[in-house]
PDB file of N, CA and C in Angstrom:
ATOM      1  N   MET A   1       6.503  -1.234 -14.254  1.00  0.00           N
ATOM      2  CA  MET A   1       5.386  -1.218 -13.624  1.00  0.00           C
ATOM      3  C   MET A   1       4.945  -0.581 -12.391  1.00  0.00           C
ATOM      4  N   TYR A   2       6.390  -0.082 -11.650  1.00  0.00           N
ATOM      5  CA  TYR A   2       5.466   0.955 -10.360  1.00  0.00           C
ATOM      6  C   TYR A   2       5.442   1.803 -11.216  1.00  0.00           C
ATOM      7  N   TYR A   3       6.304   2.678 -12.152  1.00  0.00           N
ATOM      8  CA  TYR A   3       6.400   3.561 -12.515  1.00  0.00           C
ATOM      9  C   TYR A   3       4.656   3.924 -13.681  1.00  0.00           C
ATOM     10  N   GLN A   4       4.554   3.366 -13.240  1.00  0.00           N
ATOM     11  CA  GLN A   4       2.588   3.392 -14.119  1.00  0.00           C
ATOM     12  C   GLN A   4       2.252   3.407 -13.464  1.00  0.00           C
ATOM     13  N   ALA A   5       1.904   2.590 -12.557  1.00  0.00           N
ATOM     14  CA  ALA A   5       1.145   2.663 -10.908  1.00  0.00           C
ATOM     15  C   ALA A   5       1.336   3.719  -9.966  1.00  0.00           C
ATOM     16  N   LEU A   6       2.561   4.797 -10.666  1.00  0.00           N
ATOM     17  CA  LEU A   6       2.279   5.910  -9.628  1.00  0.00           C
ATOM     18  C   LEU A   6       1.758   7.159 -10.784  1.00  0.00           C
ATOM     19  N   TYR A   7       2.246   6.862 -11.906  1.00  0.00           N
ATOM     20  CA  TYR A   7       1.510   7.928 -13.281  1.00  0.00           C
ATOM     21  C   TYR A   7      -0.176   7.879 -13.072  1.00  0.00           C
ATOM     22  N   PHE A   8      -0.422   6.488 -12.546  1.00  0.00           N
ATOM     23  CA  PHE A   8      -2.144   6.197 -12.654  1.00  0.00           C
ATOM     24  C   PHE A   8      -2.272   6.680 -10.760  1.00  0.00           C
ATOM     25  N   ILE A   9      -1.968   6.600  -9.871  1.00  0.00           N
ATOM     26  CA  ILE A   9      -2.370   7.542  -9.174  1.00  0.00           C
ATOM     27  C   ILE A   9      -2.067   8.971  -8.908  1.00  0.00           C
ATOM     28  N   GLU A  10      -1.306   9.270  -9.592  1.00  0.00           N
ATOM     29  CA  GLU A  10      -0.678  11.089  -9.398  1.00  0.00           C
ATOM     30  C   GLU A  10      -2.146  11.348 -10.582  1.00  0.00           C
ATOM     31  N   ASN A  11      -2.777  10.547 -11.664  1.00  0.00           N
ATOM     32  CA  ASN A  11      -4.036  10.753 -12.708  1.00  0.00           C
ATOM     33  C   ASN A  11      -4.860  10.601 -12.113  1.00  0.00           C
ATOM     34  N   GLY A  12      -5.163   9.841 -10.824  1.00  0.00           N
ATOM     35  CA  GLY A  12      -6.754   9.647  -9.644  1.00  0.00           C
ATOM     36  C   GLY A  12      -7.184   8.193 -10.600  1.00  0.00           C
ATOM     37  N   TRP A  13      -6.072   7.730 -10.852  1.00  0.00           N
ATOM     38  CA  TRP A  13      -6.367   6.376 -10.995  1.00  0.00           C
ATOM     39  C   TRP A  13      -6.835   5.091 -10.192  1.00  0.00           C
ATOM     40  N   PHE A  14      -6.857   5.435  -8.881  1.00  0.00           N
ATOM     41  CA  PHE A  14      -6.335   4.853  -8.151  1.00  0.00           C
ATOM     42  C   PHE A  14      -6.666   2.733  -8.251  1.00  0.00           C
ATOM     43  N   GLU A  15      -7.825   2.845  -8.642  1.00  0.00           N
ATOM     44  CA  GLU A  15      -8.300   1.593  -8.641  1.00  0.00           C
ATOM     45  C   GLU A  15      -7.596   0.794  -9.829  1.00  0.00           C
ATOM     46  N   GLN A  16      -6.576   1.320 -11.301  1.00  0.00           N
ATOM     47  CA  GLN A  16      -6.222   0.748 -11.915  1.00  0.00           C
ATOM     48  C   GLN A  16      -4.544   0.669 -11.226  1.00  0.00           C
ATOM     49  N   ALA A  17      -4.598   1.589 -10.521  1.00  0.00           N
ATOM     50  CA  ALA A  17      -2.599   1.942 -10.334  1.00  0.00           C
ATOM     51  C   ALA A  17      -3.088   0.525  -8.484  1.00  0.00           C
ATOM     52  N   MET A  18      -3.443   0.428  -8.464  1.00  0.00           N
ATOM     53  CA  MET A  18      -3.507  -1.064  -7.381  1.00  0.00           C
ATOM     54  C   MET A  18      -3.375  -2.633  -8.023  1.00  0.00           C
ATOM     55  N   GLY A  19      -3.980  -2.556  -9.337  1.00  0.00           N
ATOM     56  CA  GLY A  19      -3.938  -3.061  -9.832  1.00  0.00           C
ATOM     57  C   GLY A  19      -2.586  -3.640 -10.559  1.00  0.00           C
ATOM     58  N   VAL A  20      -1.930  -2.347 -11.252  1.00  0.00           N
ATOM     59  CA  VAL A  20      -0.972  -2.854 -11.551  1.00  0.00           C
ATOM     60  C   VAL A  20      -0.009  -3.277 -10.361  1.00  0.00           C
ATOM     61  N   MET A  21       0.001  -2.446  -9.001  1.00  0.00           N
ATOM     62  CA  MET A  21       0.835  -2.974  -8.112  1.00  0.00           C
ATOM     63  C   MET A  21       0.566  -4.365  -7.541  1.00  0.00           C
ATOM     64  N   GLU A  22      -0.660  -4.819  -7.443  1.00  0.00           N
ATOM     65  CA  GLU A  22      -0.990  -6.034  -7.217  1.00  0.00           C
ATOM     66  C   GLU A  22      -0.143  -7.258  -7.828  1.00  0.00           C
ATOM     67  N   LYS A  23      -0.283  -6.831  -9.780  1.00  0.00           N
ATOM     68  CA  LYS A  23       0.584  -7.338 -10.417  1.00  0.00           C
ATOM     69  C   LYS A  23       1.796  -7.456 -10.156  1.00  0.00           C
ATOM     70  N   ILE A  24       2.751  -6.563  -9.576  1.00  0.00           N
ATOM     71  CA  ILE A  24       4.061  -6.709  -9.197  1.00  0.00           C
ATOM     72  C   ILE A  24       4.355  -7.412  -8.296  1.00  0.00           C
ATOM     73  N   THR A  25       3.329  -7.035  -7.344  1.00  0.00           N
ATOM     74  CA  THR A  25       3.503  -8.582  -6.176  1.00  0.00           C
ATOM     75  C   THR A  25       3.377  -9.601  -6.594  1.00  0.00           C
ATOM     76  N   THR A  26       2.030 -10.424  -7.251  1.00  0.00           N
ATOM     77  CA  THR A  26       1.968 -11.454  -7.562  1.00  0.00           C
ATOM     78  C   THR A  26       3.018 -12.068  -8.527  1.00  0.00           C
ATOM     79  N   ASN A  27       3.549 -11.516  -9.111  1.00  0.00           N
ATOM     80  CA  ASN A  27       4.747 -11.670  -9.910  1.00  0.00           C
ATOM     81  C   ASN A  27       6.365 -11.844  -8.875  1.00  0.00           C
ATOM     82  N   GLY A  28       6.304 -11.923  -8.283  1.00  0.00           N
ATOM     83  CA  GLY A  28       7.331 -11.681  -7.070  1.00  0.00           C
ATOM     84  C   GLY A  28       8.267 -11.259  -6.348  1.00  0.00           C
ATOM     85  N   TYR A  29       7.806  -9.993  -6.848  1.00  0.00           N
ATOM     86  CA  TYR A  29       9.031  -8.737  -6.138  1.00  0.00           C
ATOM     87  C   TYR A  29       8.184  -8.099  -4.983  1.00  0.00           C
ATOM     88  N   ASP A  30       8.785  -8.703  -4.451  1.00  0.00           N
ATOM     89  CA  ASP A  30       8.100  -7.808  -2.639  1.00  0.00           C
ATOM     90  C   ASP A  30       9.225  -6.938  -2.614  1.00  0.00           C
ATOM     91  N   GLU A  31       8.625  -5.804  -2.785  1.00  0.00           N
ATOM     92  CA  GLU A  31       9.527  -4.330  -2.488  1.00  0.00           C
ATOM     93  C   GLU A  31       8.333  -3.870  -1.492  1.00  0.00           C
ATOM     94  N   PRO A  32       9.221  -3.011  -0.302  1.00  0.00           N
ATOM     95  CA  PRO A  32       8.374  -2.681   0.954  1.00  0.00           C
ATOM     96  C   PRO A  32       7.683  -1.078   0.152  1.00  0.00           C
ATOM     97  N   ILE A  33       8.834  -1.042  -0.892  1.00  0.00           N
ATOM     98  CA  ILE A  33       7.936   0.574  -1.459  1.00  0.00           C
ATOM     99  C   ILE A  33       7.101   0.463  -2.197  1.00  0.00           C
ATOM    100  N   VAL A  34       6.805  -0.955  -2.149  1.00  0.00           N
ATOM    101  CA  VAL A  34       5.336  -1.233  -2.941  1.00  0.00           C
ATOM    102  C   VAL A  34       4.011  -1.523  -2.496  1.00  0.00           C
ATOM    103  N   TYR A  35       4.607  -2.287  -1.098  1.00  0.00           N
ATOM    104  CA  TYR A  35       3.662  -2.011  -0.447  1.00  0.00           C
ATOM    105  C   TYR A  35       2.877  -1.053   0.317  1.00  0.00           C
ATOM    106  N   LEU A  36       3.959  -0.134   1.017  1.00  0.00           N
ATOM    107  CA  LEU A  36       3.646   0.995   1.701  1.00  0.00           C
ATOM    108  C   LEU A  36       2.680   2.268   0.580  1.00  0.00           C
ATOM    109  N   THR A  37       2.934   1.843  -1.215  1.00  0.00           N
ATOM    110  CA  THR A  37       2.395   3.045  -2.016  1.00  0.00           C
ATOM    111  C   THR A  37       1.081   2.241  -1.752  1.00  0.00           C
ATOM    112  N   MET A  38       1.043   1.169  -1.670  1.00  0.00           N
ATOM    113  CA  MET A  38      -0.462  -0.274  -2.114  1.00  0.00           C
ATOM    114  C   MET A  38      -1.367   0.624  -0.614  1.00  0.00           C
ATOM    115  N   ALA A  39      -0.553   0.295   0.375  1.00  0.00           N
ATOM    116  CA  ALA A  39      -1.429   1.535   1.775  1.00  0.00           C
ATOM    117  C   ALA A  39      -1.945   2.477   1.708  1.00  0.00           C
ATOM    118  N   ASN A  40      -0.913   3.193   1.091  1.00  0.00           N
ATOM    119  CA  ASN A  40      -1.185   4.818   1.294  1.00  0.00           C
ATOM    120  C   ASN A  40      -2.583   4.947  -0.196  1.00  0.00           C
ATOM    121  N   THR A  41      -1.947   4.362  -1.113  1.00  0.00           N
ATOM    122  CA  THR A  41      -3.387   3.923  -1.692  1.00  0.00           C
ATOM    123  C   THR A  41      -4.715   4.092  -1.312  1.00  0.00           C
ATOM    124  N   ALA A  42      -4.508   2.475  -0.630  1.00  0.00           N
ATOM    125  CA  ALA A  42      -5.893   2.188  -0.249  1.00  0.00           C
ATOM    126  C   ALA A  42      -5.908   3.102   1.119  1.00  0.00           C
ATOM    127  N   GLU A  43      -5.469   3.724   1.800  1.00  0.00           N
ATOM    128  CA  GLU A  43      -5.822   4.554   2.864  1.00  0.00           C
ATOM    129  C   GLU A  43      -6.510   5.797   2.734  1.00  0.00           C
ATOM    130  N   TYR A  44      -5.429   6.780   1.817  1.00  0.00           N
ATOM    131  CA  TYR A  44      -5.609   8.071   2.081  1.00  0.00           C
ATOM    132  C   TYR A  44      -6.518   8.054   0.748  1.00  0.00           C
ATOM    133  N   LYS A  45      -6.011   7.314  -0.649  1.00  0.00           N
ATOM    134  CA  LYS A  45      -7.630   7.859  -2.046  1.00  0.00           C
ATOM    135  C   LYS A  45      -8.645   6.873  -2.428  1.00  0.00           C
ATOM    136  N   LEU A  46      -8.446   5.245  -1.481  1.00  0.00           N
ATOM    137  CA  LEU A  46      -9.424   4.316  -2.049  1.00  0.00           C
ATOM    138  C   LEU A  46      -9.875   4.244  -0.581  1.00  0.00           C
ATOM    139  N   LEU A  47     -10.082   5.087   0.567  1.00  0.00           N
ATOM    140  CA  LEU A  47     -10.662   5.439   2.217  1.00  0.00           C
ATOM    141  C   LEU A  47     -11.038   3.984   2.828  1.00  0.00           C
ATOM    142  N   ASN A  48     -10.010   3.180   2.404  1.00  0.00           N
ATOM    143  CA  ASN A  48     -10.188   1.359   2.791  1.00  0.00           C
ATOM    144  C   ASN A  48      -9.390   1.077   3.491  1.00  0.00           C
ATOM    145  N   LYS A  49      -9.671   1.344   4.918  1.00  0.00           N
ATOM    146  CA  LYS A  49      -8.387   1.335   6.395  1.00  0.00           C
ATOM    147  C   LYS A  49      -8.311  -0.107   6.488  1.00  0.00           C
ATOM    148  N   ASP A  50      -9.655  -1.399   5.897  1.00  0.00           N
ATOM    149  CA  ASP A  50      -8.178  -2.192   6.098  1.00  0.00           C
ATOM    150  C   ASP A  50      -7.730  -3.103   4.765  1.00  0.00           C
ATOM    151  N   LEU A  51      -8.155  -2.730   4.228  1.00  0.00           N
ATOM    152  CA  LEU A  51      -6.616  -2.515   2.577  1.00  0.00           C
ATOM    153  C   LEU A  51      -5.985  -1.918   3.153  1.00  0.00           C
ATOM    154  N   ALA A  52      -5.964  -1.303   3.519  1.00  0.00           N
ATOM    155  CA  ALA A  52      -4.646   0.125   4.123  1.00  0.00           C
ATOM    156  C   ALA A  52      -3.611  -1.270   5.095  1.00  0.00           C
ATOM    157  N   ILE A  53      -4.087  -2.049   6.655  1.00  0.00           N
ATOM    158  CA  ILE A  53      -3.904  -2.456   7.595  1.00  0.00           C
ATOM    159  C   ILE A  53      -3.396  -4.027   7.176  1.00  0.00           C
ATOM    160  N   THR A  54      -3.572  -4.490   5.573  1.00  0.00           N
ATOM    161  CA  THR A  54      -3.281  -5.368   5.007  1.00  0.00           C
ATOM    162  C   THR A  54      -1.603  -5.460   4.544  1.00  0.00           C
ATOM    163  N   TYR A  55      -1.650  -4.189   3.936  1.00  0.00           N
ATOM    164  CA  TYR A  55      -0.746  -3.641   2.845  1.00  0.00           C
ATOM    165  C   TYR A  55       0.687  -3.387   4.115  1.00  0.00           C
ATOM    166  N   LEU A  56       0.578  -2.660   4.946  1.00  0.00           N
ATOM    167  CA  LEU A  56       1.288  -2.195   6.103  1.00  0.00           C
ATOM    168  C   LEU A  56       1.931  -2.967   6.678  1.00  0.00           C
ATOM    169  N   ARG A  57       0.894  -4.432   7.175  1.00  0.00           N
ATOM    170  CA  ARG A  57       1.880  -6.161   7.425  1.00  0.00           C
ATOM    171  C   ARG A  57       2.530  -6.493   6.869  1.00  0.00           C
ATOM    172  N   LYS A  58       1.971  -6.395   5.142  1.00  0.00           N
ATOM    173  CA  LYS A  58       3.425  -6.979   4.692  1.00  0.00           C
ATOM    174  C   LYS A  58       3.904  -6.148   4.221  1.00  0.00           C
ATOM    175  N   TYR A  59       4.031  -4.640   4.669  1.00  0.00           N
ATOM    176  CA  TYR A  59       5.265  -3.885   4.429  1.00  0.00           C
ATOM    177  C   TYR A  59       6.296  -4.074   5.634  1.00  0.00           C
ATOM    178  N   LEU A  60       6.242  -4.049   6.512  1.00  0.00           N
ATOM    179  CA  LEU A  60       6.358  -4.238   8.046  1.00  0.00           C
ATOM    180  C   LEU A  60       6.900  -6.176   8.033  1.00  0.00           C
ATOM    181  N   ASP A  61       6.477  -6.989   7.689  1.00  0.00           N
ATOM    182  CA  ASP A  61       6.543  -8.364   7.106  1.00  0.00           C
ATOM    183  C   ASP A  61       8.520  -8.389   6.487  1.00  0.00           C
ATOM    184  N   LEU A  62       8.320  -7.202   5.890  1.00  0.00           N
ATOM    185  CA  LEU A  62       9.635  -6.941   4.592  1.00  0.00           C
ATOM    186  C   LEU A  62      10.587  -5.858   5.884  1.00  0.00           C
ATOM    187  N   LYS A  63      10.008  -5.119   6.211  1.00  0.00           N
ATOM    188  CA  LYS A  63      11.124  -3.866   6.468  1.00  0.00           C
ATOM    189  C   LYS A  63      10.551  -3.673   8.143  1.00  0.00           C
ATOM    190  N   THR A  64      11.706  -3.235   8.902  1.00  0.00           N
ATOM    191  CA  THR A  64      11.687  -2.842  10.162  1.00  0.00           C
ATOM    192  C   THR A  64      11.364  -1.295   9.948  1.00  0.00           C
ATOM    193  N   ASP A  65      10.151  -0.835  10.341  1.00  0.00           N
ATOM    194  CA  ASP A  65       9.744   1.076  10.286  1.00  0.00           C
ATOM    195  C   ASP A  65       8.842   0.825  11.205  1.00  0.00           C
ATOM    196  N   ASP A  66       9.411   1.750  13.276  1.00  0.00           N
ATOM    197  CA  ASP A  66       8.631   2.302  14.177  1.00  0.00           C
ATOM    198  C   ASP A  66       7.526   2.996  13.359  1.00  0.00           C
ATOM    199  N   ASN A  67       7.712   4.356  12.546  1.00  0.00           N
ATOM    200  CA  ASN A  67       6.395   5.211  11.644  1.00  0.00           C
ATOM    201  C   ASN A  67       5.341   4.363  11.572  1.00  0.00           C
ATOM    202  N   VAL A  68       5.581   3.576  11.097  1.00  0.00           N
ATOM    203  CA  VAL A  68       4.866   2.494   9.820  1.00  0.00           C
ATOM    204  C   VAL A  68       3.805   1.241  10.526  1.00  0.00           C
ATOM    205  N   LEU A  69       4.332   1.303  11.922  1.00  0.00           N
ATOM    206  CA  LEU A  69       4.104   0.000  12.689  1.00  0.00           C
ATOM    207  C   LEU A  69       2.947   1.497  13.859  1.00  0.00           C
ATOM    208  N   LYS A  70       3.262   2.028  14.104  1.00  0.00           N
ATOM    209  CA  LYS A  70       2.838   3.576  14.691  1.00  0.00           C
ATOM    210  C   LYS A  70       1.537   3.636  13.834  1.00  0.00           C
ATOM    211  N   ARG A  71       1.361   3.310  12.586  1.00  0.00           N
ATOM    212  CA  ARG A  71       0.286   4.091  11.742  1.00  0.00           C
ATOM    213  C   ARG A  71      -0.166   2.509  11.914  1.00  0.00           C
ATOM    214  N   LEU A  72       0.335   1.619  11.884  1.00  0.00           N
ATOM    215  CA  LEU A  72      -0.591   0.223  11.692  1.00  0.00           C
ATOM    216  C   LEU A  72      -1.503  -0.209  13.181  1.00  0.00           C
ATOM    217  N   GLU A  73      -1.307   0.281  13.843  1.00  0.00           N
ATOM    218  CA  GLU A  73      -1.995   0.681  15.392  1.00  0.00           C
ATOM    219  C   GLU A  73      -2.397   1.371  15.807  1.00  0.00           C
ATOM    220  N   ALA A  74      -2.618   2.640  15.525  1.00  0.00           N
ATOM    221  CA  ALA A  74      -3.482   3.848  15.653  1.00  0.00           C
ATOM    222  C   ALA A  74      -3.958   2.945  14.120  1.00  0.00           C
ATOM    223  N   LEU A  75      -4.474   2.627  12.791  1.00  0.00           N
ATOM    224  CA  LEU A  75      -5.809   2.450  11.891  1.00  0.00           C
ATOM    225  C   LEU A  75      -6.189   0.837  12.287  1.00  0.00           C
ATOM    226  N   GLN A  76      -5.689   0.095  13.354  1.00  0.00           N
ATOM    227  CA  GLN A  76      -6.009  -0.613  14.219  1.00  0.00           C
ATOM    228  C   GLN A  76      -7.423  -1.285  15.230  1.00  0.00           C
ATOM    229  N   LYS A  77      -6.679   0.189  15.688  1.00  0.00           N
ATOM    230  CA  LYS A  77      -7.653   0.247  17.227  1.00  0.00           C
ATOM    231  C   LYS A  77      -8.848   1.481  16.421  1.00  0.00           C
ATOM    232  N   LEU A  78      -8.668   2.023  14.996  1.00  0.00           N
ATOM    233  CA  LEU A  78      -9.986   2.663  14.630  1.00  0.00           C
ATOM    234  C   LEU A  78     -10.932   1.050  14.576  1.00  0.00           C
ATOM    235  N   LYS A  79     -10.349   0.128  14.310  1.00  0.00           N
ATOM    236  CA  LYS A  79     -11.693  -0.177  13.660  1.00  0.00           C
ATOM    237  C   LYS A  79     -12.686  -0.809  14.643  1.00  0.00           C
TER     238      LYS A  79
END
């Protein structure tokens, strides 16, 4: 399913990609890369900083990453 989401992103179908990734996470697969991909899609493709913040937080709940933490803090300052 994750590869399907990447295919959708590659082809500009961002909403569909987000839907697939939502299914992945609601089915219990808490993989950090999925949340990071969702954050990237939300911020850079859908231009939705609030949604990106949500997914960056979920990513950081699963994995420690100083660069992602700095990115999250920067986005929160822009609000």
